[in-house]
Amino acid sequence: SHLAVLWKVTVPMARNGLIATAIFAFVFSWNEFLFALILTRTEVITFPVQLTHYFGGQSNFWAKIAAMSVLGTLPIFIAVTLMQRYLVRGISLGAVKG
């Protein structure tokens, strides 16, 4: 059937590219600042917006900024580490050869 062809042929061939695209979409959405700054409320704040609250006019809280920066990069580091094989294949198979 058409659905069996989709799941048994098309999806395995496109798997690496789909995973690479998913990782890039996750990284770009995780680091989005301006869209989140404009549209979020004060009760619900994304990571990059919360990080900017530690920069003040009189002083900066460098310890909190450093700790949040490390904690903010951990999800991306873990996702890329776990999916590195698919990411490299997806990028290299989509490249122009010749």
Protein backbone atom coordinates (compact mmCIF):
# COMPACT_ATOMS: atom_id res chain seq x y z
CA SER A 1 0.00 0.00 0.00
CA HIS A 2 1.03 3.64 -0.24
CA LEU A 3 1.40 3.98 3.51
CA ALA A 4 3.68 0.93 3.70
CA VAL A 5 5.88 2.37 0.96
CA LEU A 6 6.06 5.64 2.86
CA TRP A 7 7.11 3.99 6.13
CA LYS A 8 9.39 1.30 4.73
CA VAL A 9 11.13 3.19 1.92
CA THR A 10 10.75 6.95 2.13
CA VAL A 11 11.11 7.55 5.87
CA PRO A 12 14.28 5.44 6.30
CA MET A 13 15.89 7.26 3.38
CA ALA A 14 14.98 10.67 4.76
CA ARG A 15 15.61 9.84 8.44
CA ASN A 16 19.06 11.45 8.70
CA GLY A 17 17.93 14.65 7.03
CA LEU A 18 14.83 14.85 9.20
CA ILE A 19 16.86 14.39 12.39
CA ALA A 20 19.41 17.02 11.31
CA THR A 21 16.58 19.43 10.55
CA ALA A 22 14.95 18.69 13.91
CA ILE A 23 18.21 19.42 15.76
CA PHE A 24 18.69 22.72 13.93
CA ALA A 25 15.06 23.71 14.60
CA PHE A 26 15.51 22.88 18.30
CA VAL A 27 18.71 24.94 18.55
CA PHE A 28 17.20 27.95 16.78
CA SER A 29 14.02 27.85 18.88
CA TRP A 30 16.00 27.37 22.11
CA ASN A 31 18.10 30.46 21.38
CA GLU A 32 15.24 32.68 20.21
CA PHE A 33 15.36 35.98 22.08
CA LEU A 34 13.45 38.78 20.38
CA PHE A 35 10.29 36.81 19.64
CA ALA A 36 10.19 35.51 23.22
CA LEU A 37 10.91 38.92 24.70
CA ILE A 38 8.02 40.56 22.89
CA LEU A 39 5.40 37.83 23.23
CA THR A 40 5.99 36.28 26.67
CA ARG A 41 4.34 37.37 29.89
CA THR A 42 6.16 38.09 33.12
CA GLU A 43 5.14 34.75 34.67
CA VAL A 44 6.36 32.66 31.75
CA ILE A 45 9.85 33.58 30.55
CA THR A 46 12.15 31.66 28.24
CA PHE A 47 15.79 31.00 29.06
CA PRO A 48 17.47 33.79 27.02
CA VAL A 49 15.02 36.39 28.35
CA GLN A 50 15.59 35.25 31.94
CA LEU A 51 19.35 35.43 31.45
CA THR A 52 19.16 39.12 30.52
CA HIS A 53 17.46 39.94 33.84
CA TYR A 54 20.78 39.35 35.62
CA PHE A 55 22.41 42.25 33.78
CA GLY A 56 21.70 45.39 35.77
CA GLY A 57 22.42 49.06 35.42
CA GLN A 58 24.53 49.22 38.56
CA SER A 59 25.91 45.69 38.82
CA ASN A 60 25.92 42.35 37.06
CA PHE A 61 25.41 39.01 38.76
CA TRP A 62 28.25 37.16 37.05
CA ALA A 63 27.94 33.96 39.10
CA LYS A 64 24.26 33.56 38.23
CA ILE A 65 24.92 34.45 34.59
CA ALA A 66 27.67 31.84 34.36
CA ALA A 67 25.58 29.16 36.08
CA MET A 68 22.54 29.80 33.89
CA SER A 69 24.69 29.82 30.76
CA VAL A 70 26.07 26.39 31.60
CA LEU A 71 22.62 25.04 32.42
CA GLY A 72 21.21 26.56 29.25
CA THR A 73 23.75 24.89 26.99
CA LEU A 74 23.33 21.43 28.53
CA PRO A 75 20.12 20.45 26.67
CA ILE A 76 21.62 21.41 23.31
CA PHE A 77 24.90 19.67 24.11
CA ILE A 78 23.07 16.48 25.12
CA ALA A 79 20.79 16.54 22.06
CA VAL A 80 23.66 17.04 19.63
CA THR A 81 25.80 14.43 21.38
CA LEU A 82 23.06 11.80 21.24
CA MET A 83 22.13 12.56 17.63
CA GLN A 84 25.62 13.34 16.28
CA ARG A 85 25.69 10.33 13.96
CA TYR A 86 22.41 11.33 12.31
CA LEU A 87 23.38 14.99 12.23
CA VAL A 88 26.63 14.40 10.33
CA ARG A 89 24.96 12.01 7.88
CA GLY A 90 22.06 14.36 7.30
CA ILE A 91 24.32 17.31 6.59
CA SER A 92 26.75 15.40 4.38
CA LEU A 93 24.09 13.54 2.37
CA GLY A 94 22.33 16.80 1.60
CA ALA A 95 25.48 18.46 0.30
CA VAL A 96 26.10 19.06 -3.38
CA LYS A 97 28.64 16.60 -4.70
CA GLY A 98 30.67 16.80 -7.84
